[in-house]
Amino acid sequence: MNMKKNKSILWLTLAICMLIPFFLYHRHEACRYSLQIIETENEGGYGYRILCGDRVVICQPYIPSLPGRKGFASEEDARRVGNLVLERIRSGSDITISASDLEQVTETNGFLYRAH
C-alpha cells in the first residue's frame, strides 16, 4: 500500500511539474500588449499607455528620463517612444528609456516637450 501511495504521489508531482510551464506560457500569450496615445490633462502635451488586454500596465503621461513633468509635443513622438517600450516588453528587454533613446526615436529637433 505504501509503495502504491508513493507512486501515486510521484505521478501527481510529475504531472503538476509538466503542467506549470504550459499554464505560464499560455497566461503570458493571452496577454496582448497594445499602445494607446493619451493627451495629458492640464499640460496640452501627449503621453502613452501600454495595455495588456484592457488592463493598463504602464501609464506614462510625461516624457521619461527628462526633469520636470512635461508631455510630448506631438502624438507622433509619444507613439515612437511608446512603440519602443512595447518592443522592449515583447522582447523581454529592459524597458527603461534613456535620454539618448529619446533623441534617437523622436523627430522634434530637440523640442521634445511643450514649454509653458
N, C-alpha and C. Protein backbone atom coordinates (compact mmCIF):
# COMPACT_ATOMS: atom_id res chain seq x y z
N MET A 1 0.83 -1.19 0.00
CA MET A 1 0.00 0.00 0.00
C MET A 1 0.87 1.25 0.00
N ASN A 2 1.92 1.24 0.81
CA ASN A 2 2.80 2.39 0.92
C ASN A 2 3.50 2.67 -0.41
N MET A 3 3.93 1.60 -1.11
CA MET A 3 4.60 1.75 -2.41
C MET A 3 3.63 2.32 -3.45
N LYS A 4 2.39 1.88 -3.42
CA LYS A 4 1.37 2.38 -4.35
C LYS A 4 1.09 3.86 -4.09
N LYS A 5 1.05 4.23 -2.82
CA LYS A 5 0.81 5.62 -2.45
C LYS A 5 1.97 6.50 -2.92
N ASN A 6 3.20 6.03 -2.75
CA ASN A 6 4.37 6.78 -3.19
C ASN A 6 4.38 6.97 -4.71
N LYS A 7 3.99 5.92 -5.45
CA LYS A 7 3.92 6.03 -6.92
C LYS A 7 2.87 7.06 -7.34
N SER A 8 1.75 7.04 -6.66
CA SER A 8 0.68 8.00 -6.98
C SER A 8 1.15 9.43 -6.73
N ILE A 9 1.82 9.64 -5.62
CA ILE A 9 2.33 10.97 -5.30
C ILE A 9 3.37 11.39 -6.33
N LEU A 10 4.25 10.48 -6.72
CA LEU A 10 5.27 10.77 -7.71
C LEU A 10 4.64 11.16 -9.05
N TRP A 11 3.65 10.40 -9.51
CA TRP A 11 2.99 10.71 -10.79
C TRP A 11 2.25 12.04 -10.73
N LEU A 12 1.61 12.29 -9.62
CA LEU A 12 0.89 13.56 -9.45
C LEU A 12 1.87 14.74 -9.47
N THR A 13 2.99 14.59 -8.79
CA THR A 13 4.02 15.63 -8.77
C THR A 13 4.57 15.88 -10.17
N LEU A 14 4.86 14.80 -10.89
CA LEU A 14 5.36 14.94 -12.27
C LEU A 14 4.34 15.63 -13.17
N ALA A 15 3.08 15.26 -13.03
CA ALA A 15 2.04 15.88 -13.85
C ALA A 15 1.94 17.38 -13.57
N ILE A 16 2.00 17.73 -12.30
CA ILE A 16 1.93 19.15 -11.94
C ILE A 16 3.14 19.90 -12.49
N CYS A 17 4.32 19.31 -12.35
CA CYS A 17 5.54 19.95 -12.86
C CYS A 17 5.50 20.14 -14.37
N MET A 18 4.85 19.23 -15.07
CA MET A 18 4.75 19.35 -16.53
C MET A 18 3.69 20.36 -16.93
N LEU A 19 2.67 20.54 -16.12
CA LEU A 19 1.59 21.46 -16.47
C LEU A 19 1.90 22.91 -16.12
N ILE A 20 2.73 23.15 -15.13
CA ILE A 20 3.04 24.53 -14.72
C ILE A 20 3.61 25.35 -15.88
N PRO A 21 4.64 24.88 -16.60
CA PRO A 21 5.14 25.69 -17.73
C PRO A 21 4.08 25.93 -18.81
N PHE A 22 3.22 24.94 -19.04
CA PHE A 22 2.15 25.09 -20.02
C PHE A 22 1.23 26.25 -19.65
N PHE A 23 0.80 26.29 -18.39
CA PHE A 23 -0.10 27.36 -17.96
C PHE A 23 0.60 28.71 -17.93
N LEU A 24 1.85 28.74 -17.51
CA LEU A 24 2.59 30.01 -17.51
C LEU A 24 2.75 30.55 -18.92
N TYR A 25 3.05 29.68 -19.87
CA TYR A 25 3.22 30.10 -21.26
C TYR A 25 1.92 30.66 -21.81
N HIS A 26 0.84 29.96 -21.58
CA HIS A 26 -0.44 30.40 -22.14
C HIS A 26 -0.98 31.63 -21.42
N ARG A 27 -0.65 31.80 -20.16
CA ARG A 27 -1.06 33.02 -19.46
C ARG A 27 -0.36 34.22 -20.06
N HIS A 28 0.93 34.08 -20.36
CA HIS A 28 1.69 35.16 -20.98
C HIS A 28 1.20 35.42 -22.41
N GLU A 29 0.92 34.36 -23.15
CA GLU A 29 0.45 34.50 -24.53
C GLU A 29 -0.92 35.17 -24.58
N ALA A 30 -1.73 34.94 -23.57
CA ALA A 30 -3.08 35.51 -23.56
C ALA A 30 -3.04 37.03 -23.44
N CYS A 31 -1.93 37.56 -22.95
CA CYS A 31 -1.79 39.00 -22.78
C CYS A 31 -1.31 39.61 -24.09
N ARG A 32 -2.16 40.33 -24.75
CA ARG A 32 -1.81 41.03 -25.99
C ARG A 32 -1.55 42.49 -25.64
N TYR A 33 -0.29 42.86 -25.71
CA TYR A 33 0.08 44.23 -25.38
C TYR A 33 -0.30 45.17 -26.52
N SER A 34 -0.74 46.36 -26.14
CA SER A 34 -1.08 47.37 -27.14
C SER A 34 -0.69 48.75 -26.60
N LEU A 35 -0.63 49.70 -27.52
CA LEU A 35 -0.23 51.06 -27.19
C LEU A 35 -1.42 51.99 -27.37
N GLN A 36 -1.59 52.91 -26.44
CA GLN A 36 -2.65 53.91 -26.52
C GLN A 36 -2.01 55.28 -26.27
N ILE A 37 -2.21 56.21 -27.18
CA ILE A 37 -1.69 57.57 -27.03
C ILE A 37 -2.73 58.38 -26.26
N ILE A 38 -2.27 59.15 -25.28
CA ILE A 38 -3.18 59.94 -24.46
C ILE A 38 -2.77 61.41 -24.51
N GLU A 39 -3.75 62.27 -24.32
CA GLU A 39 -3.47 63.70 -24.19
C GLU A 39 -3.38 64.00 -22.70
N THR A 40 -2.29 64.65 -22.30
CA THR A 40 -2.10 64.91 -20.88
C THR A 40 -3.02 66.03 -20.42
N GLU A 41 -3.60 65.83 -19.27
CA GLU A 41 -4.51 66.83 -18.72
C GLU A 41 -3.73 68.03 -18.20
N ASN A 42 -4.25 69.19 -18.41
CA ASN A 42 -3.69 70.46 -17.92
C ASN A 42 -2.32 70.81 -18.50
N GLU A 43 -1.77 69.98 -19.35
CA GLU A 43 -0.43 70.24 -19.88
C GLU A 43 -0.45 70.51 -21.39
N GLY A 44 -1.44 69.98 -22.08
CA GLY A 44 -1.53 70.17 -23.52
C GLY A 44 -0.57 69.33 -24.32
N GLY A 45 0.12 68.39 -23.70
CA GLY A 45 1.04 67.51 -24.41
C GLY A 45 0.44 66.12 -24.56
N TYR A 46 1.30 65.17 -24.89
CA TYR A 46 0.85 63.80 -25.12
C TYR A 46 1.70 62.82 -24.32
N GLY A 47 1.12 61.69 -24.03
CA GLY A 47 1.80 60.60 -23.35
C GLY A 47 1.32 59.29 -23.94
N TYR A 48 1.59 58.20 -23.25
CA TYR A 48 1.15 56.90 -23.75
C TYR A 48 0.83 55.95 -22.60
N ARG A 49 0.04 54.95 -22.95
CA ARG A 49 -0.27 53.85 -22.03
C ARG A 49 0.05 52.56 -22.76
N ILE A 50 0.57 51.60 -22.01
CA ILE A 50 0.75 50.25 -22.52
C ILE A 50 -0.31 49.40 -21.82
N LEU A 51 -1.09 48.69 -22.61
CA LEU A 51 -2.16 47.87 -22.07
C LEU A 51 -1.89 46.39 -22.32
N CYS A 52 -2.34 45.58 -21.38
CA CYS A 52 -2.34 44.13 -21.53
C CYS A 52 -3.82 43.77 -21.57
N GLY A 53 -4.33 43.58 -22.77
CA GLY A 53 -5.77 43.44 -22.92
C GLY A 53 -6.41 44.77 -22.61
N ASP A 54 -7.28 44.81 -21.61
CA ASP A 54 -7.93 46.06 -21.18
C ASP A 54 -7.25 46.68 -19.96
N ARG A 55 -6.25 46.02 -19.43
CA ARG A 55 -5.59 46.46 -18.19
C ARG A 55 -4.38 47.33 -18.51
N VAL A 56 -4.33 48.51 -17.89
CA VAL A 56 -3.18 49.41 -18.07
C VAL A 56 -2.03 48.88 -17.23
N VAL A 57 -0.88 48.61 -17.90
CA VAL A 57 0.30 48.14 -17.17
C VAL A 57 1.35 49.24 -17.05
N ILE A 58 1.35 50.20 -17.96
CA ILE A 58 2.23 51.36 -17.88
C ILE A 58 1.43 52.58 -18.31
N CYS A 59 1.46 53.61 -17.49
CA CYS A 59 0.86 54.89 -17.85
C CYS A 59 1.97 55.93 -17.77
N GLN A 60 2.34 56.50 -18.90
CA GLN A 60 3.45 57.46 -18.97
C GLN A 60 2.93 58.77 -19.56
N PRO A 61 2.35 59.64 -18.71
CA PRO A 61 1.82 60.90 -19.23
C PRO A 61 2.91 61.94 -19.50
N TYR A 62 4.11 61.70 -18.98
CA TYR A 62 5.21 62.66 -19.13
C TYR A 62 6.39 61.99 -19.83
N ILE A 63 7.27 62.81 -20.36
CA ILE A 63 8.45 62.29 -21.04
C ILE A 63 9.38 61.66 -20.01
N PRO A 64 9.71 60.38 -20.19
CA PRO A 64 10.63 59.74 -19.24
C PRO A 64 12.06 60.24 -19.44
N SER A 65 12.86 60.16 -18.41
CA SER A 65 14.30 60.49 -18.42
C SER A 65 14.60 61.98 -18.51
N LEU A 66 13.61 62.82 -18.49
CA LEU A 66 13.86 64.26 -18.50
C LEU A 66 13.29 64.86 -17.22
N PRO A 67 13.96 65.88 -16.69
CA PRO A 67 13.45 66.50 -15.46
C PRO A 67 12.13 67.23 -15.74
N GLY A 68 11.32 67.32 -14.72
CA GLY A 68 10.04 68.01 -14.86
C GLY A 68 8.94 67.07 -15.30
N ARG A 69 7.78 67.64 -15.44
CA ARG A 69 6.60 66.87 -15.83
C ARG A 69 6.01 67.48 -17.09
N LYS A 70 6.64 67.18 -18.20
CA LYS A 70 6.20 67.72 -19.49
C LYS A 70 5.76 66.57 -20.38
N GLY A 71 4.67 66.80 -21.10
CA GLY A 71 4.22 65.82 -22.07
C GLY A 71 4.97 65.96 -23.38
N PHE A 72 4.88 64.96 -24.22
CA PHE A 72 5.49 65.03 -25.55
C PHE A 72 4.79 66.12 -26.35
N ALA A 73 5.53 66.80 -27.22
CA ALA A 73 4.98 67.88 -28.03
C ALA A 73 4.03 67.37 -29.10
N SER A 74 4.25 66.14 -29.56
CA SER A 74 3.39 65.61 -30.63
C SER A 74 2.95 64.19 -30.31
N GLU A 75 1.83 63.82 -30.90
CA GLU A 75 1.35 62.45 -30.77
C GLU A 75 2.38 61.49 -31.35
N GLU A 76 3.01 61.88 -32.44
CA GLU A 76 3.98 61.01 -33.12
C GLU A 76 5.17 60.71 -32.22
N ASP A 77 5.69 61.70 -31.49
CA ASP A 77 6.80 61.45 -30.56
C ASP A 77 6.37 60.49 -29.46
N ALA A 78 5.18 60.70 -28.90
CA ALA A 78 4.67 59.79 -27.87
C ALA A 78 4.52 58.38 -28.43
N ARG A 79 4.04 58.28 -29.67
CA ARG A 79 3.86 56.98 -30.32
C ARG A 79 5.20 56.27 -30.54
N ARG A 80 6.20 57.02 -30.98
CA ARG A 80 7.51 56.41 -31.24
C ARG A 80 8.14 55.86 -29.95
N VAL A 81 8.09 56.65 -28.88
CA VAL A 81 8.66 56.19 -27.62
C VAL A 81 7.82 55.04 -27.05
N GLY A 82 6.50 55.16 -27.12
CA GLY A 82 5.64 54.07 -26.66
C GLY A 82 5.88 52.78 -27.42
N ASN A 83 6.08 52.88 -28.73
CA ASN A 83 6.38 51.68 -29.52
C ASN A 83 7.72 51.07 -29.14
N LEU A 84 8.69 51.91 -28.79
CA LEU A 84 9.98 51.40 -28.33
C LEU A 84 9.81 50.60 -27.03
N VAL A 85 9.02 51.14 -26.10
CA VAL A 85 8.75 50.43 -24.84
C VAL A 85 8.02 49.13 -25.13
N LEU A 86 7.03 49.18 -26.01
CA LEU A 86 6.26 47.99 -26.37
C LEU A 86 7.17 46.92 -26.98
N GLU A 87 8.06 47.32 -27.85
CA GLU A 87 9.01 46.40 -28.47
C GLU A 87 9.91 45.76 -27.41
N ARG A 88 10.33 46.55 -26.45
CA ARG A 88 11.19 46.03 -25.38
C ARG A 88 10.44 45.06 -24.47
N ILE A 89 9.18 45.35 -24.19
CA ILE A 89 8.37 44.44 -23.38
C ILE A 89 8.25 43.10 -24.09
N ARG A 90 7.91 43.15 -25.36
CA ARG A 90 7.71 41.91 -26.13
C ARG A 90 8.99 41.09 -26.25
N SER A 91 10.14 41.77 -26.28
CA SER A 91 11.41 41.04 -26.41
C SER A 91 12.00 40.66 -25.05
N GLY A 92 11.38 41.12 -23.97
CA GLY A 92 11.89 40.82 -22.64
C GLY A 92 13.07 41.66 -22.23
N SER A 93 13.29 42.78 -22.91
CA SER A 93 14.41 43.67 -22.60
C SER A 93 14.03 44.65 -21.50
N ASP A 94 15.03 45.37 -21.01
CA ASP A 94 14.81 46.42 -20.02
C ASP A 94 14.00 47.54 -20.67
N ILE A 95 12.93 47.96 -20.02
CA ILE A 95 12.03 48.96 -20.63
C ILE A 95 12.42 50.39 -20.30
N THR A 96 13.49 50.58 -19.55
CA THR A 96 13.91 51.93 -19.18
C THR A 96 14.29 52.73 -20.42
N ILE A 97 13.77 53.95 -20.51
CA ILE A 97 14.07 54.84 -21.63
C ILE A 97 15.09 55.88 -21.17
N SER A 98 16.19 55.97 -21.90
CA SER A 98 17.24 56.94 -21.57
C SER A 98 17.08 58.19 -22.44
N ALA A 99 17.81 59.23 -22.09
CA ALA A 99 17.79 60.46 -22.88
C ALA A 99 18.28 60.19 -24.30
N SER A 100 19.26 59.32 -24.45
CA SER A 100 19.75 59.01 -25.81
C SER A 100 18.71 58.23 -26.60
N ASP A 101 17.91 57.38 -25.93
CA ASP A 101 16.80 56.71 -26.62
C ASP A 101 15.82 57.74 -27.16
N LEU A 102 15.53 58.75 -26.35
CA LEU A 102 14.60 59.80 -26.78
C LEU A 102 15.12 60.53 -28.01
N GLU A 103 16.39 60.84 -28.00
CA GLU A 103 16.98 61.55 -29.15
C GLU A 103 16.91 60.71 -30.42
N GLN A 104 17.08 59.40 -30.27
CA GLN A 104 17.09 58.52 -31.44
C GLN A 104 15.72 58.33 -32.06
N VAL A 105 14.68 58.27 -31.24
CA VAL A 105 13.36 57.93 -31.78
C VAL A 105 12.44 59.11 -32.04
N THR A 106 12.77 60.29 -31.53
CA THR A 106 11.88 61.43 -31.76
C THR A 106 12.42 62.31 -32.87
N GLU A 107 11.51 63.05 -33.49
CA GLU A 107 11.87 63.89 -34.64
C GLU A 107 11.67 65.37 -34.37
N THR A 108 11.59 65.76 -33.14
CA THR A 108 11.20 67.13 -32.85
C THR A 108 12.38 68.09 -32.75
N ASN A 109 13.54 67.68 -33.24
CA ASN A 109 14.72 68.55 -33.29
C ASN A 109 15.03 69.21 -31.95
N GLY A 110 14.97 68.42 -30.90
CA GLY A 110 15.32 68.95 -29.59
C GLY A 110 14.15 69.55 -28.84
N PHE A 111 13.01 69.72 -29.47
CA PHE A 111 11.84 70.27 -28.80
C PHE A 111 10.89 69.13 -28.44
N LEU A 112 11.33 68.31 -27.48
CA LEU A 112 10.56 67.14 -27.09
C LEU A 112 9.26 67.49 -26.39
N TYR A 113 9.24 68.61 -25.72
CA TYR A 113 8.06 68.93 -24.93
C TYR A 113 7.63 70.36 -25.18
N ARG A 114 6.40 70.62 -24.81
CA ARG A 114 5.85 71.97 -24.96
C ARG A 114 6.28 72.81 -23.78
N ALA A 115 6.83 73.96 -24.05
CA ALA A 115 7.19 74.89 -22.98
C ALA A 115 5.94 75.65 -22.55
N HIS A 116 5.77 75.80 -21.25
CA HIS A 116 4.61 76.54 -20.73
C HIS A 116 5.08 77.73 -19.96
